[in-house]
Amino acid sequence: MKNVGRLDAGVRIALGIALLALAAAVNGRPFLSIAAALGALLIVGTGLTRFCPLYTTLGLSTGAKPRSA
C-alpha cells in the first residue's frame, strides 16, 4: 500500500541526498554524522518505497486517491 505521492517521494529523495551530503561534510563530529546519515536513509527509504509508517499511523496520504468504479 503506497501512501506517499510522487511529488512527496521526489522531495523526500532529494532531501535525503542533501542530508547524506551533510553527513559527509560533518565527518569531524561522529554522532552528528551518524544521526544525519541514519535520518537520510530513513527519508530516502520512504521516498523509494512510497510508504511512510508515520502517515499510516496518522491516517494521512499524499498518494492518489483510489478511483470509484
N, C-alpha and C. Protein backbone atom coordinates (compact mmCIF):
# COMPACT_ATOMS: atom_id res chain seq x y z
N MET A 1 0.84 -1.18 0.00
CA MET A 1 0.00 0.00 0.00
C MET A 1 0.89 1.25 0.00
N LYS A 2 0.72 2.08 -1.01
CA LYS A 2 1.51 3.30 -1.11
C LYS A 2 0.70 4.46 -0.52
N ASN A 3 1.34 5.22 0.35
CA ASN A 3 0.66 6.38 0.90
C ASN A 3 1.49 7.66 0.73
N VAL A 4 2.51 7.59 -0.12
CA VAL A 4 3.36 8.75 -0.41
C VAL A 4 3.24 9.02 -1.91
N GLY A 5 2.81 10.21 -2.26
CA GLY A 5 2.65 10.59 -3.66
C GLY A 5 3.98 10.79 -4.37
N ARG A 6 3.91 10.97 -5.69
CA ARG A 6 5.13 11.12 -6.48
C ARG A 6 5.92 12.36 -6.11
N LEU A 7 5.23 13.48 -5.96
CA LEU A 7 5.92 14.72 -5.60
C LEU A 7 6.55 14.59 -4.22
N ASP A 8 5.79 14.07 -3.28
CA ASP A 8 6.29 13.86 -1.91
C ASP A 8 7.51 12.94 -1.93
N ALA A 9 7.45 11.87 -2.72
CA ALA A 9 8.56 10.93 -2.81
C ALA A 9 9.80 11.61 -3.40
N GLY A 10 9.61 12.41 -4.43
CA GLY A 10 10.74 13.13 -5.04
C GLY A 10 11.40 14.09 -4.07
N VAL A 11 10.57 14.81 -3.30
CA VAL A 11 11.11 15.74 -2.30
C VAL A 11 11.86 14.98 -1.23
N ARG A 12 11.32 13.84 -0.79
CA ARG A 12 11.98 13.03 0.23
C ARG A 12 13.34 12.53 -0.26
N ILE A 13 13.39 12.07 -1.49
CA ILE A 13 14.66 11.56 -2.04
C ILE A 13 15.68 12.69 -2.14
N ALA A 14 15.27 13.85 -2.64
CA ALA A 14 16.18 14.99 -2.75
C ALA A 14 16.67 15.44 -1.37
N LEU A 15 15.76 15.50 -0.41
CA LEU A 15 16.13 15.89 0.95
C LEU A 15 17.07 14.86 1.57
N GLY A 16 16.82 13.59 1.31
CA GLY A 16 17.69 12.54 1.83
C GLY A 16 19.09 12.62 1.27
N ILE A 17 19.20 12.92 -0.02
CA ILE A 17 20.52 13.05 -0.64
C ILE A 17 21.25 14.25 -0.05
N ALA A 18 20.53 15.35 0.16
CA ALA A 18 21.15 16.53 0.77
C ALA A 18 21.61 16.22 2.20
N LEU A 19 20.82 15.44 2.91
CA LEU A 19 21.19 15.08 4.29
C LEU A 19 22.39 14.14 4.30
N LEU A 20 22.49 13.27 3.30
CA LEU A 20 23.69 12.41 3.19
C LEU A 20 24.92 13.26 2.92
N ALA A 21 24.78 14.30 2.10
CA ALA A 21 25.90 15.20 1.84
C ALA A 21 26.30 15.92 3.12
N LEU A 22 25.31 16.33 3.91
CA LEU A 22 25.61 16.96 5.20
C LEU A 22 26.34 16.00 6.13
N ALA A 23 25.90 14.74 6.12
CA ALA A 23 26.55 13.73 6.96
C ALA A 23 28.02 13.57 6.56
N ALA A 24 28.31 13.64 5.27
CA ALA A 24 29.69 13.53 4.82
C ALA A 24 30.49 14.78 5.18
N ALA A 25 29.81 15.93 5.17
CA ALA A 25 30.50 17.19 5.45
C ALA A 25 30.87 17.36 6.92
N VAL A 26 30.09 16.76 7.81
CA VAL A 26 30.36 16.92 9.25
C VAL A 26 31.04 15.68 9.82
N ASN A 27 31.91 15.08 9.03
CA ASN A 27 32.55 13.84 9.48
C ASN A 27 33.48 14.04 10.67
N GLY A 28 33.75 15.27 11.05
CA GLY A 28 34.57 15.52 12.24
C GLY A 28 33.76 15.37 13.53
N ARG A 29 32.44 15.32 13.41
CA ARG A 29 31.56 15.14 14.56
C ARG A 29 30.80 13.84 14.36
N PRO A 30 31.33 12.73 14.85
CA PRO A 30 30.79 11.41 14.53
C PRO A 30 29.32 11.21 14.90
N PHE A 31 28.88 11.70 16.05
CA PHE A 31 27.50 11.48 16.45
C PHE A 31 26.55 12.19 15.49
N LEU A 32 26.86 13.44 15.16
CA LEU A 32 26.04 14.21 14.23
C LEU A 32 26.05 13.58 12.84
N SER A 33 27.19 13.11 12.42
CA SER A 33 27.33 12.48 11.11
C SER A 33 26.49 11.20 11.02
N ILE A 34 26.56 10.37 12.04
CA ILE A 34 25.80 9.11 12.05
C ILE A 34 24.31 9.39 12.11
N ALA A 35 23.90 10.36 12.93
CA ALA A 35 22.48 10.70 13.05
C ALA A 35 21.94 11.24 11.72
N ALA A 36 22.71 12.08 11.04
CA ALA A 36 22.29 12.62 9.75
C ALA A 36 22.21 11.51 8.70
N ALA A 37 23.16 10.60 8.71
CA ALA A 37 23.16 9.50 7.75
C ALA A 37 21.97 8.56 7.97
N LEU A 38 21.67 8.24 9.22
CA LEU A 38 20.53 7.37 9.51
C LEU A 38 19.21 8.05 9.15
N GLY A 39 19.10 9.34 9.45
CA GLY A 39 17.91 10.09 9.05
C GLY A 39 17.75 10.13 7.55
N ALA A 40 18.85 10.33 6.85
CA ALA A 40 18.82 10.37 5.39
C ALA A 40 18.38 9.03 4.81
N LEU A 41 18.89 7.94 5.36
CA LEU A 41 18.50 6.62 4.86
C LEU A 41 17.01 6.36 5.09
N LEU A 42 16.50 6.79 6.21
CA LEU A 42 15.08 6.64 6.50
C LEU A 42 14.24 7.45 5.51
N ILE A 43 14.63 8.68 5.27
CA ILE A 43 13.89 9.55 4.36
C ILE A 43 13.95 9.01 2.93
N VAL A 44 15.12 8.61 2.47
CA VAL A 44 15.26 8.07 1.12
C VAL A 44 14.46 6.77 1.00
N GLY A 45 14.50 5.94 2.04
CA GLY A 45 13.75 4.68 2.01
C GLY A 45 12.26 4.90 1.86
N THR A 46 11.71 5.87 2.58
CA THR A 46 10.27 6.14 2.44
C THR A 46 9.96 6.73 1.08
N GLY A 47 10.90 7.46 0.50
CA GLY A 47 10.70 8.01 -0.84
C GLY A 47 10.73 6.94 -1.91
N LEU A 48 11.66 6.00 -1.78
CA LEU A 48 11.78 4.94 -2.79
C LEU A 48 10.64 3.92 -2.72
N THR A 49 10.24 3.57 -1.52
CA THR A 49 9.16 2.58 -1.38
C THR A 49 7.78 3.22 -1.47
N ARG A 50 7.75 4.56 -1.33
CA ARG A 50 6.50 5.33 -1.33
C ARG A 50 5.54 4.87 -0.24
N PHE A 51 6.11 4.45 0.87
CA PHE A 51 5.33 4.05 2.04
C PHE A 51 5.94 4.69 3.28
N CYS A 52 5.10 5.35 4.06
CA CYS A 52 5.55 6.00 5.29
C CYS A 52 4.73 5.47 6.46
N PRO A 53 5.36 4.75 7.39
CA PRO A 53 4.63 4.22 8.54
C PRO A 53 3.97 5.32 9.39
N LEU A 54 4.61 6.48 9.50
CA LEU A 54 4.02 7.57 10.27
C LEU A 54 2.73 8.06 9.62
N TYR A 55 2.71 8.14 8.29
CA TYR A 55 1.49 8.53 7.59
C TYR A 55 0.37 7.53 7.89
N THR A 56 0.70 6.25 7.92
CA THR A 56 -0.31 5.22 8.22
C THR A 56 -0.85 5.42 9.62
N THR A 57 0.03 5.66 10.57
CA THR A 57 -0.38 5.86 11.96
C THR A 57 -1.30 7.07 12.10
N LEU A 58 -0.99 8.14 11.37
CA LEU A 58 -1.77 9.37 11.46
C LEU A 58 -2.96 9.39 10.50
N GLY A 59 -3.08 8.37 9.66
CA GLY A 59 -4.18 8.31 8.70
C GLY A 59 -4.03 9.29 7.55
N LEU A 60 -2.80 9.64 7.20
CA LEU A 60 -2.54 10.58 6.12
C LEU A 60 -2.12 9.85 4.85
N SER A 61 -2.26 10.54 3.73
CA SER A 61 -1.79 10.01 2.45
C SER A 61 -1.62 11.16 1.48
N THR A 62 -0.49 11.19 0.77
CA THR A 62 -0.29 12.18 -0.28
C THR A 62 -0.38 11.51 -1.64
N GLY A 63 -0.68 10.22 -1.65
CA GLY A 63 -0.81 9.47 -2.89
C GLY A 63 -2.15 9.74 -3.55
N ALA A 64 -2.30 9.21 -4.75
CA ALA A 64 -3.55 9.36 -5.49
C ALA A 64 -4.67 8.60 -4.79
N LYS A 65 -5.82 9.19 -4.80
CA LYS A 65 -6.98 8.52 -4.20
C LYS A 65 -7.46 7.42 -5.14
N PRO A 66 -7.90 6.28 -4.59
CA PRO A 66 -8.39 5.20 -5.46
C PRO A 66 -9.63 5.66 -6.21
N ARG A 67 -9.74 5.19 -7.45
CA ARG A 67 -10.88 5.55 -8.29
C ARG A 67 -12.12 4.76 -7.89
N SER A 68 -13.24 5.42 -7.96
CA SER A 68 -14.51 4.72 -7.70
C SER A 68 -14.97 4.03 -8.98
N ALA A 69 -15.54 2.87 -8.84
CA ALA A 69 -15.96 2.11 -10.02
C ALA A 69 -17.30 2.57 -10.51
